[in-house]
Protein backbone atom coordinates (compact mmCIF):
# COMPACT_ATOMS: atom_id res chain seq x y z
CA MET A 1 -97.69 -29.67 11.03
CA ARG A 2 -95.30 -31.79 9.04
CA HIS A 3 -94.66 -28.91 6.62
CA SER A 4 -94.02 -26.53 9.54
CA LEU A 5 -91.37 -28.85 10.99
CA LEU A 6 -89.65 -29.17 7.62
CA LEU A 7 -89.59 -25.40 7.24
CA VAL A 8 -88.07 -24.90 10.68
CA PHE A 9 -85.48 -27.64 10.03
CA SER A 10 -84.50 -26.01 6.69
CA LEU A 11 -84.08 -22.62 8.34
CA VAL A 12 -81.89 -24.07 11.12
CA ALA A 13 -79.74 -26.03 8.62
CA GLY A 14 -79.28 -22.94 6.44
CA ALA A 15 -78.16 -20.85 9.41
CA GLY A 16 -75.70 -23.59 10.38
CA MET A 17 -74.19 -23.67 6.91
CA LEU A 18 -73.73 -19.90 6.97
CA LEU A 19 -71.95 -20.14 10.31
CA LEU A 20 -69.66 -22.92 9.08
CA GLY A 21 -68.86 -20.95 5.92
CA GLY A 22 -67.81 -17.94 8.01
CA CYS A 23 -65.13 -20.07 9.70
CA GLY A 24 -63.18 -20.65 6.42
CA GLN A 25 -60.34 -18.54 4.96
CA PRO A 26 -61.51 -15.11 3.73
CA LYS A 27 -61.21 -14.54 0.02
CA TRP A 28 -60.18 -10.93 0.44
CA ASN A 29 -56.90 -9.34 1.68
CA SER A 30 -56.76 -8.19 5.25
CA ASP A 31 -53.52 -6.87 6.75
CA TYR A 32 -55.26 -6.70 10.08
CA LEU A 33 -56.13 -10.41 10.08
CA LEU A 34 -52.63 -11.36 8.89
CA ASP A 35 -51.05 -9.31 11.67
CA GLN A 36 -53.37 -10.93 14.19
CA ALA A 37 -52.45 -14.38 12.91
CA ARG A 38 -48.72 -13.62 13.28
CA LEU A 39 -49.28 -12.32 16.82
CA LYS A 40 -51.26 -15.41 17.78
CA GLY A 41 -48.62 -17.70 16.32
CA GLY A 42 -45.86 -15.83 18.10
CA ALA A 43 -44.11 -15.28 14.78
CA LYS A 44 -40.82 -13.37 14.65
CA ALA A 45 -40.72 -9.92 13.15
CA ASP A 46 -38.94 -11.02 9.97
CA VAL A 47 -41.20 -14.06 9.19
CA LEU A 48 -42.68 -14.06 5.70
CA ALA A 49 -46.38 -13.03 5.75
CA SER A 50 -48.68 -15.40 3.86
CA GLY A 51 -50.96 -14.11 1.14
CA ASN A 52 -50.87 -10.78 -0.69
CA THR A 53 -50.80 -7.62 1.36
CA ILE A 54 -50.80 -3.95 0.54
CA ASN A 55 -47.27 -3.43 1.98
CA PRO A 56 -44.14 -5.51 1.08
CA ASP A 57 -43.84 -8.61 3.25
CA VAL A 58 -41.83 -8.36 6.43
CA GLU A 59 -38.95 -10.56 5.23
CA VAL A 60 -38.35 -8.52 2.09
CA ARG A 61 -38.53 -5.29 4.06
CA LYS A 62 -35.98 -6.55 6.60
CA ALA A 63 -33.73 -7.87 3.84
CA LEU A 64 -33.73 -4.46 2.16
CA GLU A 65 -32.87 -2.80 5.45
CA ARG A 66 -29.99 -5.23 6.04
CA ALA A 67 -28.67 -4.70 2.50
CA GLU A 68 -28.75 -0.94 3.02
CA VAL A 69 -26.86 -1.25 6.31
CA GLU A 70 -24.23 -3.57 4.75
CA GLY A 71 -23.87 -1.24 1.78
CA GLU A 72 -23.27 1.70 4.07
CA LYS A 73 -20.66 -0.31 6.00
CA LYS A 74 -18.85 -1.17 2.77
CA ARG A 75 -18.91 2.45 1.62
CA LYS A 76 -17.46 3.59 4.94
CA LYS A 77 -14.83 0.85 4.85
CA LYS A 78 -13.82 1.74 1.30
CA LYS A 79 -13.61 5.41 2.19
CA GLU A 80 -11.63 4.63 5.32
CA SER A 81 -9.24 2.27 3.48
CA LYS A 82 -8.05 5.16 1.31
CA ARG A 83 -6.83 6.85 4.47
CA TYR A 84 -4.68 3.89 5.50
CA PHE A 85 -1.92 1.90 3.86
CA LEU A 86 -0.42 -1.20 5.47
CA GLY A 87 -1.69 -0.20 8.90
CA HIS A 88 -0.61 3.45 8.83
CA LYS A 89 -2.81 6.50 8.41
CA VAL A 90 -1.85 8.53 5.34
CA LYS A 91 -2.65 11.74 3.52
CA ARG A 92 -2.69 12.24 -0.23
CA GLY A 93 -0.60 14.77 -2.11
CA PHE A 94 0.31 15.74 -5.65
CA ILE A 95 2.92 17.80 -7.50
CA LYS A 96 2.35 19.30 -10.93
CA SER A 97 5.11 20.76 -13.10
CA GLY A 98 5.79 21.61 -16.74
CA ARG A 99 3.35 22.63 -19.45
CA GLY A 100 1.72 21.26 -22.54
CA SER A 101 2.94 17.84 -23.66
CA ARG A 102 5.60 17.89 -20.91
CA GLU A 103 3.19 18.48 -18.05
CA THR A 104 4.16 16.12 -15.23
CA LEU A 105 1.84 15.01 -12.45
CA GLU A 106 3.03 13.01 -9.44
CA THR A 107 0.48 11.63 -6.99
CA PHE A 108 1.55 10.05 -3.71
CA SER A 109 0.70 9.38 -0.06
CA TYR A 110 2.64 10.39 3.03
CA LEU A 111 2.53 9.94 6.79
CA PRO A 112 0.96 12.93 8.58
CA GLU A 113 2.60 11.95 11.86
CA GLN A 114 6.28 11.34 12.63
CA GLN A 115 7.53 7.80 12.18
CA GLN A 116 10.85 6.15 13.04
CA LEU A 117 12.85 5.54 9.86
CA ASP A 118 14.69 2.28 9.25
CA THR A 119 18.35 2.89 10.05
CA TYR A 120 19.46 0.26 7.54
CA ALA A 121 17.32 1.50 4.65
CA PRO A 122 19.80 2.76 2.02
CA LEU A 123 17.54 5.52 0.73
CA LYS A 124 14.62 7.38 2.29
CA TYR A 125 12.06 9.10 0.07
CA LEU A 126 10.44 12.25 1.43
CA TYR A 127 8.05 15.05 0.52
CA ASP A 128 9.29 18.58 1.14
CA SER A 129 6.03 20.25 2.21
CA LYS A 130 7.61 23.71 2.00
CA LYS A 131 9.05 23.53 -1.52
CA ARG A 132 6.49 20.95 -2.68
CA LYS A 133 9.11 18.59 -4.06
CA LEU A 134 10.04 14.93 -3.64
CA TYR A 135 13.59 14.00 -2.81
CA ARG A 136 15.64 11.15 -1.41
CA THR A 137 18.35 10.97 1.22
CA SER A 138 20.54 8.37 2.91
CA SER A 139 20.49 10.28 6.19
CA ASN A 140 18.48 9.12 9.18
CA GLU A 141 18.31 12.64 10.60
CA VAL A 142 15.20 14.14 9.02
CA ASP A 143 13.06 17.07 10.12
CA GLN A 144 9.68 15.37 9.75
CA ALA A 145 7.83 18.58 10.58
CA ARG A 146 8.82 19.75 7.10
CA TYR A 147 9.85 16.58 5.30
CA LYS A 148 6.98 14.09 5.23
CA VAL A 149 7.76 10.39 4.92
CA LEU A 150 6.31 8.82 1.76
CA HIS A 151 4.07 5.83 2.42
CA GLY A 152 1.61 4.31 -0.03
CA PRO A 153 1.01 4.25 -3.80
CA TYR A 154 2.98 6.52 -6.14
CA VAL A 155 2.18 7.36 -9.77
CA LYS A 156 4.04 9.65 -12.17
CA LYS A 157 2.38 10.78 -15.38
CA ILE A 158 3.64 12.86 -18.31
CA ASP A 159 0.97 14.40 -20.51
CA GLY A 160 -1.59 12.13 -18.87
CA GLN A 161 0.34 8.92 -19.53
CA THR A 162 1.79 6.82 -16.71
CA VAL A 163 5.60 6.54 -16.89
CA GLU A 164 6.34 5.20 -13.40
CA GLU A 165 4.38 3.62 -10.55
CA GLY A 166 5.04 1.74 -7.34
CA TYR A 167 4.66 1.79 -3.56
CA PHE A 168 6.52 3.28 -0.62
CA TYR A 169 6.74 1.83 2.87
CA ILE A 170 7.80 4.32 5.58
CA GLY A 171 10.04 6.17 3.15
CA THR A 172 11.46 3.16 1.28
CA LYS A 173 10.59 1.59 -2.06
CA HIS A 174 8.40 -1.45 -1.51
CA LEU A 175 6.74 -4.18 -3.59
CA ARG A 176 6.69 -3.85 -7.39
CA TRP A 177 7.95 -0.76 -9.25
CA GLU A 178 7.45 -0.34 -12.98
CA LYS A 179 8.61 2.18 -15.59
CA TYR A 180 6.98 2.77 -18.98
CA ARG A 181 8.06 4.46 -22.17
CA PRO A 182 5.89 7.55 -22.84
CA ASP A 183 4.71 6.25 -26.22
CA GLU A 184 1.28 5.29 -27.52
CA GLU A 185 1.63 1.70 -26.30
CA GLY A 186 3.03 2.64 -22.88
CA THR A 187 5.76 0.00 -23.31
CA LEU A 188 7.11 -1.49 -20.10
CA VAL A 189 10.85 -0.69 -19.92
CA GLY A 190 11.73 -1.63 -16.35
CA LYS A 191 10.40 -3.67 -13.43
CA ASP A 192 11.89 -4.13 -9.96
CA HIS A 193 10.69 -5.74 -6.74
CA TYR A 194 11.63 -4.34 -3.35
CA GLU A 195 11.26 -5.36 0.26
CA LYS A 196 11.32 -2.20 2.39
CA GLY A 197 14.18 -0.58 0.47
CA PHE A 198 16.16 -3.64 -0.59
CA VAL A 199 15.89 -5.84 -3.66
CA ARG A 200 13.31 -8.50 -2.85
CA ASP A 201 15.52 -11.53 -3.59
CA ALA A 202 18.57 -10.17 -1.75
CA VAL A 203 20.45 -12.34 0.77
CA VAL A 204 20.64 -10.59 4.14
CA LYS A 205 23.26 -11.54 6.72
CA TYR A 206 23.21 -10.44 10.36
CA TYR A 207 25.62 -9.80 13.22
CA ASP A 208 23.24 -11.30 15.80
CA GLY A 209 21.02 -14.34 16.12
CA ASP A 210 17.93 -12.19 16.65
CA GLN A 211 18.43 -10.79 13.14
CA LYS A 212 18.15 -7.17 14.19
CA LYS A 213 21.65 -5.96 13.26
CA ILE A 214 22.23 -6.29 9.52
CA LYS A 215 25.79 -7.09 8.44
CA GLU A 216 25.45 -7.11 4.66
CA VAL A 217 22.88 -7.23 1.89
CA ILE A 218 23.84 -9.18 -1.23
CA PRO A 219 21.51 -8.46 -4.19
CA TYR A 220 20.36 -11.38 -6.32
CA VAL A 221 18.34 -11.33 -9.53
CA TYR A 222 17.40 -14.67 -11.08
CA GLY A 223 20.08 -16.43 -9.02
CA GLU A 224 22.89 -14.07 -10.00
CA VAL A 225 24.51 -11.29 -7.94
CA GLN A 226 23.10 -8.14 -9.52
CA GLY A 227 22.38 -4.69 -8.12
CA THR A 228 23.47 -2.58 -5.16
CA TYR A 229 25.52 -4.21 -2.41
CA TYR A 230 25.55 -2.89 1.19
CA ARG A 231 27.75 -3.71 4.14
CA PHE A 232 27.13 -2.16 7.57
CA TYR A 233 29.09 -1.49 10.73
CA GLU A 234 27.67 -3.10 13.83
CA ASN A 235 26.29 0.30 14.92
CA GLY A 236 24.08 0.36 11.81
CA GLN A 237 26.13 2.84 9.77
CA VAL A 238 26.94 1.96 6.15
CA GLN A 239 30.49 0.65 5.66
CA TRP A 240 30.54 -0.21 1.92
CA THR A 241 28.25 0.33 -1.06
CA GLY A 242 28.71 -0.53 -4.71
CA GLN A 243 27.20 -2.15 -7.77
CA TYR A 244 27.34 -5.74 -8.98
CA GLU A 245 26.69 -6.66 -12.59
CA LYS A 246 26.45 -10.32 -13.52
CA GLY A 247 28.41 -11.24 -10.39
CA ARG A 248 31.21 -8.68 -10.91
CA LYS A 249 31.92 -5.37 -9.18
CA VAL A 250 31.45 -2.39 -11.48
CA GLY A 251 31.51 1.39 -11.24
CA THR A 252 32.47 3.32 -8.10
CA TRP A 253 32.59 1.57 -4.73
CA ILE A 254 32.42 3.76 -1.64
CA HIS A 255 33.89 3.09 1.80
CA TYR A 256 32.46 5.13 4.71
CA TYR A 257 33.50 6.17 8.19
CA ASP A 258 31.44 4.67 11.00
CA PHE A 259 29.43 7.82 11.71
CA ARG A 260 27.01 10.17 9.93
CA GLY A 261 27.34 8.37 6.60
CA ARG A 262 30.56 10.25 5.92
CA ARG A 263 32.68 9.05 2.98
CA HIS A 264 36.23 7.84 3.47
CA HIS A 265 37.37 6.27 0.17
CA GLU A 266 36.12 5.93 -3.40
CA PHE A 267 37.47 3.08 -5.53
CA GLN A 268 37.00 2.67 -9.28
CA TYR A 269 36.12 -0.64 -10.96
CA PRO A 270 35.37 -1.24 -14.68
CA LYS A 271 32.28 0.75 -15.68
CA THR A 272 30.46 -2.30 -17.04
CA VAL A 273 30.87 -6.05 -16.93
CA TYR A 274 31.89 -5.97 -20.61
CA ASP A 275 34.87 -3.64 -20.08
CA GLN A 276 38.38 -5.00 -19.70
CA ARG A 277 39.18 -6.02 -16.15
CA PHE A 278 41.75 -4.16 -14.06
CA GLU A 279 42.74 -3.80 -10.44
CA PRO A 280 40.51 -1.26 -8.65
CA TYR A 281 42.25 2.02 -7.84
CA LEU A 282 41.66 4.81 -5.34
CA VAL A 283 39.93 7.83 -6.86
CA LYS A 284 39.21 10.02 -3.79
CA GLU A 285 39.85 10.07 -0.07
CA TYR A 286 38.32 12.26 2.66
CA ASP A 287 39.30 12.97 6.25
CA ARG A 288 36.94 12.47 9.19
CA HIS A 289 35.65 16.03 8.80
CA GLY A 290 34.55 15.42 5.20
CA THR A 291 37.43 17.36 3.64
CA LEU A 292 38.84 16.01 0.37
CA ILE A 293 42.51 15.13 0.94
CA TYR A 294 43.20 13.05 -2.15
CA GLU A 295 41.97 12.99 -5.76
CA LYS A 296 43.77 10.92 -8.35
CA ASP A 297 46.17 12.96 -10.52
CA LYS A 298 44.90 16.23 -8.99
CA LEU A 299 45.36 16.47 -5.24
CA ASP A 300 47.24 14.72 -2.44
CA LYS A 301 47.19 16.17 1.09
CA ARG A 302 47.17 12.85 2.93
CA SER A 303 50.55 13.41 4.55
CA GLN A 304 49.35 16.71 5.99
CA ALA A 305 46.12 15.21 7.26
CA LYS A 306 48.03 12.56 9.24
CA ARG A 307 49.96 15.18 11.23
């Protein structure tokens, strides 16, 4: 009887141990059990799954998806940024000319839609879409259906080597412009900085307190008057233009009528700052219709024009 009770007790104890052992962690992988555990714990979708599973864990999978989405956004942004420059939508263009070692390639951007040009900008740079040429003008009257306003990066290459590069802003030179010698070293031979058509360090004076009507632009380079000077009428038309060199007037200075950029007088100063000084003299004079009425030592019809 005693032996029978011991046998029964052993069998019951063994069954209990087996049941307790079944309540421990399984020593094999089970995606089903892991999923059930996450559901019971109310875990979020991107919580890291514990233990090894056949598929990548949820966090890694979500991270990969996020990286792919961010990468796609960056690619779209980069692609889109090429279509815009300083807030304006642009198109790309190029002009190729010459042959062999003199083959010239100009790449540029232009505004596909019409844009108001700056009245005060001394020069406007345009792309003739009909003749496929770049040119500049001082006029504010431009047929933008044919002449596209340059806006964005510009690069000029000769035989594959960069000789000039810079930026345009709504038809004007902007930021840094550099020129290089077409040699093996690509030596830098010139560098200028512009602010929407004017020398960056120029002193600008205005007619009004709101600083909308420019009176004159005095060019400065390293603290010295150097470069092109402009003076305007109050209606925005150019009144005077000329060159300064080391603080002195040089070359030809032009005086304009107050409409359509029409010339009135041309005065001659020493060609360079190193030439002997002399009093400026009148070289040419035009009437209001643009007809030449005086040219030094050649023509003088000023008395007739006054009648």
